[in-house]
Structures are given as structure tokens and as C-alpha cells.
């Protein structure tokens, strides 16, 4: 039977629609967050079912189920990242405005110490194996290791380039993106040494980073609009897949084999892991323009993204970057429907 051109057009459209809807995920809730100012990282704390949200010169703490504001960590100028050490009831916030790390009590949200570090502290995470808080620096081109019990700097790793996001594999090895040189550095968080440096073939300006620790695969979000998949044992790039514009965060759902890349353009690009070496794009989740920072609840699989309505700066204002409209800051909840 001969099929018409119209049939094939409709079939192609249906296939595209199916691909776009394949993840079955969408924005289901929006948590309005009071206050003004810019924003960067958002972090889910599974030990208390909380969200720590960088915002202006403070960190807003929300209940992850209701969005209720539980408190604030104040006086965090140029706030970027947040890391939580549950057994010590301590949290750590990177302050780019004055090159410090704020240490706060996760029960009261009160700041208990400030640690001076090198310039431009940004992304931060806690490595449970080495029992260290690891601070990534852009301008200083290093990782600072902090002893969370002593609340003091334990040492540093010189990287030779500005550090973006980092992950650890739970077996004594970490990985960090170097943004300008498009490289991944493998490092030892205990010995504070560099192990390997690998170019990210097919990638420019890497930002977000996630890891499949079971298969030794790194998922690297690149501002050149690709997700790069790297073998963490050899540095070989296995695949690159298209994603949206101005990616900033990457997350991995190990149970459902889905990789998420959140983009400034108002999408979360979704990639399915068919096997350790096979990947396919399965569509986008529509979010909100500016929603480029993201965190995942590994149990419920919910994604949380920070966003705001962005407006041009007032006439005569210094700088030309768009700014959040006062009163428009929100946290988006994405889940399966």
C-alpha cells in the first residue's frame, strides 16, 4: 500500500511528540521564596528532607515537601554553594564576595564560624570517605579541603585551571571540571593530589557534573550544548548528545537510568542510559527560563530548580546582565505524572 506524504508528516510529528514526552516528568509545584537578589546552587539534604537554596546574600532553607520556609543562613555575600555534613549537624556555604566559607548549625541555621579561603570559592561538596568538605575555586584554580570537625583548612589541590563542579566516587577518587580548558581532573581527596588530567573531547566550557559510580561514567554538561559521557577510568569520551542552551547542572537517576541537564533556556534535557556505552536523547522537560541550577532527591526522583523572572537592568545601572525581578524568585518541583 502506498502511503501519502501527509501520512509520513503526521507520523514524524507523532514520533517527535512521543520523544518529547518520553520522560513523563513535568513541573508540578512552585515554591515562592521571599527576598530579592541573584541565585546559584540549590542542594537537597535527604537526611532532613530539606532544600538549601542560595539567594541574594543568604541561604533559604525550605521543607522539600511543602516549600515552607524553615529559616535562613544569613550574611553569605556572593553566595554560591552549600554542603551538609549530617552527623555533625553542620553546613558549609561558599561566599564569593569575601572569600570565606560560612559554617552553620543545621538545627538553628546560625553561623558558628567563618573560614578564610582562597579567592572565588564556588561549588562545594562533602566527601564522606575522606571526611572532608571540598571547595572548588574558579580564580584560584584549586580545591580547598576543609576538616568539618575542626572547622579548619586541611590543605589544597592545585589544578592549573578554574574549577567548576566536582563529584566523588566513594572509593577514594574525585573528579572536577576545568571550565576554560575543557578538561576533567581526577584527584585524591585524602592525599590532596592530582591523579590524571583528561581533555573532554567534543566539549567546550564544561559546567555541571554527575556520575554513575557503578559503571565509572561521568556526565558532563557543556555550554557548547552537548552532554559528554566520559569513562572515568580512562578519560575517553564515549558519547556526546545534544542539550539546551547554557547548562549549569547535571543529575543522574541511577534507578531509572536517566541523566538530566538543566539549562538557562527553560528546559531540562533528558538522556537515557541504555548501557554503560549507549545513550539516547529522550526529550526535554519544560521548566522556566533561568532555571539552570538543579538538585535531585535520589529516593523520590523529584528534581528541584531555582528560577526567577529575569529583567533588563535599569537605565544607567552598572553592568548589562539581566537581573531577577524583585519578588519573583521560586523553586520549581519536577516529578513524574
Protein backbone atom coordinates (compact mmCIF):
# COMPACT_ATOMS: atom_id res chain seq x y z
CA UNK A 1 0.00 0.00 0.00
CA UNK A 2 1.34 3.39 -0.99
CA UNK A 3 1.32 5.90 1.87
CA UNK A 4 0.79 9.60 1.30
CA UNK A 5 3.27 12.37 2.10
CA UNK A 6 0.73 13.66 4.61
CA UNK A 7 0.80 10.34 6.46
CA UNK A 8 4.58 10.49 6.83
CA UNK A 9 4.44 14.08 8.07
CA UNK A 10 1.89 13.11 10.73
CA UNK A 11 3.93 10.04 11.67
CA UNK A 12 7.08 12.13 12.06
CA UNK A 13 5.23 14.69 14.20
CA UNK A 14 3.84 11.92 16.40
CA UNK A 15 7.31 10.45 16.83
CA UNK A 16 8.70 13.81 17.89
CA UNK A 17 5.85 14.33 20.34
CA UNK A 18 6.43 10.87 21.81
CA UNK A 19 10.15 11.58 22.20
CA UNK A 20 9.46 14.93 23.88
CA UNK A 21 7.04 13.33 26.35
CA UNK A 22 9.08 10.19 26.96
CA UNK A 23 10.44 11.16 30.41
CA UNK A 24 6.88 11.60 31.78
CA UNK A 25 8.10 14.42 34.01
CA UNK A 26 6.82 17.95 34.40
CA UNK A 27 6.69 20.92 36.79
CA UNK A 28 4.01 20.11 39.38
CA UNK A 29 4.64 22.74 42.07
CA UNK A 30 6.24 26.12 42.54
CA UNK A 31 7.53 27.26 45.92
CA UNK A 32 7.56 31.05 46.18
CA UNK A 33 10.60 32.22 48.15
CA UNK A 34 10.64 35.73 49.67
CA UNK A 35 13.50 38.14 49.15
CA UNK A 36 15.42 39.54 46.23
CA UNK A 37 18.82 39.09 44.62
CA UNK A 38 20.58 36.59 42.41
CA UNK A 39 20.90 32.87 42.94
CA UNK A 40 23.21 29.95 42.26
CA UNK A 41 23.22 26.40 43.65
CA UNK A 42 20.30 24.54 45.20
CA UNK A 43 21.00 21.43 47.32
CA UNK A 44 18.71 18.65 48.57
CA UNK A 45 19.51 17.25 52.03
CA UNK A 46 17.99 13.79 52.29
CA UNK A 47 18.82 13.45 55.99
CA UNK A 48 16.26 16.16 56.84
CA UNK A 49 14.18 16.37 53.62
CA UNK A 50 15.26 19.98 53.14
CA UNK A 51 16.33 22.27 50.36
CA UNK A 52 19.18 24.70 50.83
CA UNK A 53 18.76 27.48 48.29
CA UNK A 54 21.36 30.18 47.59
CA UNK A 55 19.61 33.53 47.23
CA UNK A 56 20.94 37.08 47.39
CA UNK A 57 23.23 37.26 50.42
CA UNK A 58 21.65 34.37 52.30
CA UNK A 59 20.65 30.72 52.04
CA UNK A 60 16.93 29.96 52.27
CA UNK A 61 16.06 26.63 53.94
CA UNK A 62 12.82 25.01 52.74
CA UNK A 63 10.86 21.90 53.57
CA UNK A 64 11.15 19.84 50.38
CA UNK A 65 7.56 18.56 50.50
CA UNK A 66 5.69 21.78 51.24
CA UNK A 67 8.09 24.57 50.33
CA UNK A 68 7.65 26.06 53.80
CA UNK A 69 10.47 28.44 54.72
CA UNK A 70 12.17 26.90 57.76
CA UNK A 71 14.85 29.53 58.22
CA UNK A 72 17.81 31.35 56.72
CA UNK A 73 21.57 31.23 56.85
CA UNK A 74 22.38 34.94 56.75
CA UNK A 75 25.43 37.03 55.89
CA UNK A 76 26.67 34.98 52.93
CA UNK A 77 27.90 37.65 50.46
CA UNK A 78 28.30 36.37 46.92
CA UNK A 79 26.79 33.04 47.97
CA UNK A 80 27.36 30.07 45.66
CA UNK A 81 27.25 26.53 47.05
CA UNK A 82 26.09 24.60 50.11
CA UNK A 83 27.28 21.28 51.55
CA UNK A 84 25.79 19.47 54.55
CA UNK A 85 27.54 17.10 56.99
CA UNK A 86 24.54 15.42 58.69
CA UNK A 87 26.31 13.58 61.50
CA UNK A 88 27.94 16.81 62.71
CA UNK A 89 24.78 18.92 62.24
CA UNK A 90 26.88 21.35 60.26
CA UNK A 91 26.54 23.03 56.90
CA UNK A 92 29.12 24.87 54.80
CA UNK A 93 28.40 27.81 52.45
CA UNK A 94 30.84 29.31 49.95
CA UNK A 95 30.91 33.11 49.89
CA UNK A 96 32.48 34.53 46.75
CA UNK A 97 32.04 38.10 47.96
CA UNK A 98 34.65 37.87 50.70
CA UNK A 99 36.45 34.55 50.04
CA UNK A 100 35.11 32.74 53.08
CA UNK A 101 33.20 29.59 53.93
CA UNK A 102 30.40 30.03 56.47
CA UNK A 103 29.89 27.15 58.89
CA UNK A 104 26.34 26.93 60.24
CA UNK A 105 24.34 24.79 62.64
CA UNK A 106 21.73 22.80 60.68
CA UNK A 107 19.40 22.78 63.69
CA UNK A 108 19.33 26.55 64.25
CA UNK A 109 20.75 27.86 60.92
CA UNK A 110 23.01 30.15 62.93
CA UNK A 111 26.54 30.77 61.67
CA UNK A 112 29.09 29.34 64.10
CA UNK A 113 32.33 30.09 62.23
CA UNK A 114 33.78 31.63 59.09
CA UNK A 115 36.82 30.11 57.42
CA UNK A 116 39.06 32.24 55.21
CA UNK A 117 39.88 30.52 51.90
CA UNK A 118 41.42 31.42 48.53
CA UNK A 119 39.55 33.72 46.16
CA UNK A 120 36.42 32.73 44.26
CA UNK A 121 35.09 29.80 46.31
CA UNK A 122 32.18 28.34 44.35
CA UNK A 123 30.92 24.73 44.15
CA UNK A 124 31.27 22.69 47.36
CA UNK A 125 30.56 19.08 48.36
CA UNK A 126 31.15 16.72 51.26
CA UNK A 127 33.18 13.56 50.70
CA UNK A 128 32.11 11.04 53.35
CA UNK A 129 35.07 8.71 52.67
CA UNK A 130 37.81 11.25 53.38
CA UNK A 131 35.54 13.16 55.81
CA UNK A 132 36.38 16.42 54.09
CA UNK A 133 34.44 19.31 52.66
CA UNK A 134 35.83 20.09 49.21
CA UNK A 135 35.61 23.66 47.91
CA UNK A 136 36.12 24.36 44.20
CA UNK A 137 37.70 27.70 43.29
CA UNK A 138 37.47 29.40 39.92
CA UNK A 139 40.01 32.24 40.01
CA UNK A 140 42.31 30.47 42.49
CA UNK A 141 42.34 27.31 40.30
CA UNK A 142 42.33 24.90 43.23
CA UNK A 143 40.31 22.73 45.55
CA UNK A 144 40.43 23.60 49.24
CA UNK A 145 39.91 20.69 51.65
CA UNK A 146 38.25 21.58 54.96
CA UNK A 147 38.16 19.38 58.08
CA UNK A 148 34.50 19.76 59.14
CA UNK A 149 35.12 18.69 62.74
CA UNK A 150 37.96 21.16 63.30
CA UNK A 151 36.30 23.74 61.01
CA UNK A 152 39.69 24.49 59.53
CA UNK A 153 41.51 24.20 56.21
CA UNK A 154 43.27 20.83 55.87
CA UNK A 155 45.10 21.54 52.62
CA UNK A 156 44.62 22.25 48.92
CA UNK A 157 44.98 20.73 45.47
CA UNK A 158 46.41 22.95 42.72
CA UNK A 159 44.54 22.21 39.50
CA UNK A 160 46.10 24.52 36.91
CA UNK A 161 42.72 25.88 35.88
CA UNK A 162 39.45 27.23 37.24
CA UNK A 163 37.36 24.54 38.93
CA UNK A 164 33.65 24.10 38.27
CA UNK A 165 31.56 21.20 39.59
CA UNK A 166 33.06 18.10 41.23
CA UNK A 167 31.97 14.58 42.20
CA UNK A 168 33.47 11.73 44.23
CA UNK A 169 33.08 8.02 43.53
CA UNK A 170 33.02 6.81 47.16
CA UNK A 171 36.20 4.80 46.59
CA UNK A 172 38.80 7.47 47.24
CA UNK A 173 38.74 9.35 43.96
CA UNK A 174 37.24 12.65 42.88
CA UNK A 175 36.68 14.37 39.54
CA UNK A 176 36.36 18.07 38.73
CA UNK A 177 35.67 20.05 35.54
CA UNK A 178 38.10 22.77 34.46
CA UNK A 179 35.86 25.25 32.67
CA UNK A 180 38.22 27.26 30.49
CA UNK A 181 40.46 24.41 29.32
CA UNK A 182 37.60 21.87 28.96
CA UNK A 183 39.36 19.19 30.98
CA UNK A 184 38.49 16.76 33.75
CA UNK A 185 40.95 16.38 36.62
CA UNK A 186 40.94 13.17 38.61
CA UNK A 187 42.18 13.74 42.18
CA UNK A 188 42.72 12.06 45.53
CA UNK A 189 40.72 13.86 48.28
CA UNK A 190 42.79 12.23 51.05
CA UNK A 191 46.30 12.69 49.66
CA UNK A 192 45.27 16.03 48.09
CA UNK A 193 46.97 15.18 44.82
CA UNK A 194 46.16 15.18 41.10
CA UNK A 195 45.94 11.71 39.54
CA UNK A 196 45.05 12.41 35.88
CA UNK A 197 44.09 15.26 33.56
CA UNK A 198 41.95 14.48 30.54
CA UNK A 199 40.62 16.67 27.72
CA UNK A 200 36.85 16.49 27.23
CA UNK A 201 36.74 15.73 23.52
CA UNK A 202 33.85 17.46 21.75
CA UNK A 203 33.06 19.78 24.67
CA UNK A 204 33.60 23.46 25.33
CA UNK A 205 33.02 25.22 28.68
CA UNK A 206 32.06 22.30 30.95
CA UNK A 207 29.90 23.20 33.94
CA UNK A 208 27.62 20.64 35.59
CA UNK A 209 28.88 17.18 36.51
CA UNK A 210 27.27 13.95 37.70
CA UNK A 211 28.46 10.36 37.96
CA UNK A 212 27.30 6.79 37.54
CA UNK A 213 29.62 5.29 40.15
CA UNK A 214 28.59 1.69 39.39
CA UNK A 215 29.78 1.95 35.78
CA UNK A 216 32.51 4.60 36.20
CA UNK A 217 30.83 7.09 33.88
CA UNK A 218 30.99 10.87 34.17
CA UNK A 219 28.18 13.01 32.74
CA UNK A 220 29.46 16.45 31.82
CA UNK A 221 27.23 19.38 30.88
CA UNK A 222 28.94 21.60 28.29
CA UNK A 223 27.94 25.14 27.33
CA UNK A 224 28.63 24.11 23.71
CA UNK A 225 25.19 22.47 24.02
CA UNK A 226 26.28 18.89 24.48
CA UNK A 227 26.31 16.34 27.28
CA UNK A 228 29.60 14.45 27.21
CA UNK A 229 29.84 10.93 28.63
CA UNK A 230 33.34 10.05 29.83
CA UNK A 231 34.85 6.79 31.03
CA UNK A 232 36.17 7.77 34.46
CA UNK A 233 38.83 5.08 34.39
CA UNK A 234 40.45 6.16 31.12
CA UNK A 235 39.25 9.68 30.30
CA UNK A 236 37.82 8.53 26.98
CA UNK A 237 34.70 10.38 25.83
CA UNK A 238 32.21 7.68 24.84
CA UNK A 239 29.36 9.85 23.55
CA UNK A 240 28.14 13.41 23.14
CA UNK A 241 24.44 14.22 22.97
CA UNK A 242 22.60 17.48 22.28
CA UNK A 243 21.22 19.51 25.21
CA UNK A 244 19.80 23.01 25.71
CA UNK A 245 21.44 26.38 26.00
CA UNK A 246 23.63 27.44 28.97
CA UNK A 247 23.59 24.26 31.01
CA UNK A 248 24.66 24.66 34.62
CA UNK A 249 23.76 21.44 36.46
CA UNK A 250 23.61 17.71 35.73
CA UNK A 251 21.93 14.98 37.79
CA UNK A 252 21.71 11.20 37.44
CA UNK A 253 18.81 8.93 38.40
CA UNK A 254 20.62 5.62 38.76
CA UNK A 255 17.45 3.55 39.21
CA UNK A 256 15.73 4.76 36.04
CA UNK A 257 18.99 5.30 34.10
CA UNK A 258 18.16 8.91 33.27
CA UNK A 259 20.56 11.85 33.06
CA UNK A 260 19.20 15.38 33.46
CA UNK A 261 20.86 18.60 32.27
CA UNK A 262 19.21 21.85 33.41
CA UNK A 263 19.53 24.78 31.04
CA UNK A 264 19.04 28.54 31.20
CA UNK A 265 16.69 28.40 28.20
CA UNK A 266 13.90 26.88 30.31
CA UNK A 267 14.46 23.18 29.60
CA UNK A 268 15.85 20.13 31.29
CA UNK A 269 17.37 17.90 28.61
CA UNK A 270 16.90 14.19 29.36
CA UNK A 271 19.23 11.41 28.20
CA UNK A 272 18.61 7.71 28.76
CA UNK A 273 21.45 5.34 29.57
CA UNK A 274 20.76 2.17 27.54
CA UNK A 275 24.02 0.60 28.69
CA UNK A 276 27.33 1.88 30.02
CA UNK A 277 28.35 2.75 26.46
CA UNK A 278 24.98 3.51 24.81
CA UNK A 279 22.94 6.68 25.31
CA UNK A 280 19.96 8.36 23.65
CA UNK A 281 18.19 11.71 23.95
CA UNK A 282 14.57 11.25 25.05
CA UNK A 283 13.28 14.83 25.03
CA UNK A 284 13.09 17.93 27.20
CA UNK A 285 11.17 18.89 30.31
CA UNK A 286 9.78 22.42 30.02
CA UNK A 287 10.64 24.50 33.10
CA UNK A 288 11.21 28.27 33.20
CA UNK A 289 13.81 30.49 31.62
CA UNK A 290 16.72 31.00 34.08
CA UNK A 291 16.16 27.58 35.77
CA UNK A 292 19.68 26.31 35.22
CA UNK A 293 20.61 25.15 38.73
CA UNK A 294 19.13 21.87 39.94
CA UNK A 295 19.26 19.17 42.58
CA UNK A 296 17.69 15.70 42.78
CA UNK A 297 16.05 13.72 45.57
CA UNK A 298 17.52 10.25 44.87
CA UNK A 299 14.64 8.44 46.63
CA UNK A 300 11.54 10.13 45.18
CA UNK A 301 13.34 11.20 41.94
CA UNK A 302 12.00 14.74 42.27
CA UNK A 303 14.04 17.49 40.65
CA UNK A 304 14.19 20.94 42.24
CA UNK A 305 15.28 24.00 40.26
CA UNK A 306 15.83 27.65 41.22
CA UNK A 307 14.32 30.26 38.90
CA UNK A 308 13.20 33.88 38.71
CA UNK A 309 11.68 36.24 36.19
CA UNK A 310 14.65 37.96 34.60
CA UNK A 311 14.54 41.62 33.56
CA UNK A 312 16.97 44.08 31.98
CA UNK A 313 18.85 46.33 34.43
CA UNK A 314 17.53 49.88 34.94
CA UNK A 315 18.83 52.53 32.59
CA UNK A 316 22.20 53.81 33.80
CA UNK A 317 22.79 50.85 36.08
CA UNK A 318 26.27 49.37 36.18
CA UNK A 319 26.62 46.22 34.06
CA UNK A 320 24.35 44.86 31.37
CA UNK A 321 23.37 41.44 32.75
CA UNK A 322 19.73 40.62 33.28
CA UNK A 323 18.63 40.57 36.90
CA UNK A 324 15.90 38.75 38.84
CA UNK A 325 12.68 40.72 39.13
CA UNK A 326 12.10 41.54 42.83
CA UNK A 327 9.65 39.13 44.41
CA UNK A 328 9.75 36.60 41.56
CA UNK A 329 12.17 34.01 42.98
CA UNK A 330 10.77 30.48 43.05
CA UNK A 331 11.75 26.84 43.36
CA UNK A 332 10.27 24.54 40.72
CA UNK A 333 9.40 20.92 41.58
CA UNK A 334 9.59 18.43 38.71
CA UNK A 335 8.20 14.94 39.19
CA UNK A 336 6.64 12.05 37.30
CA UNK A 337 2.95 12.28 36.42
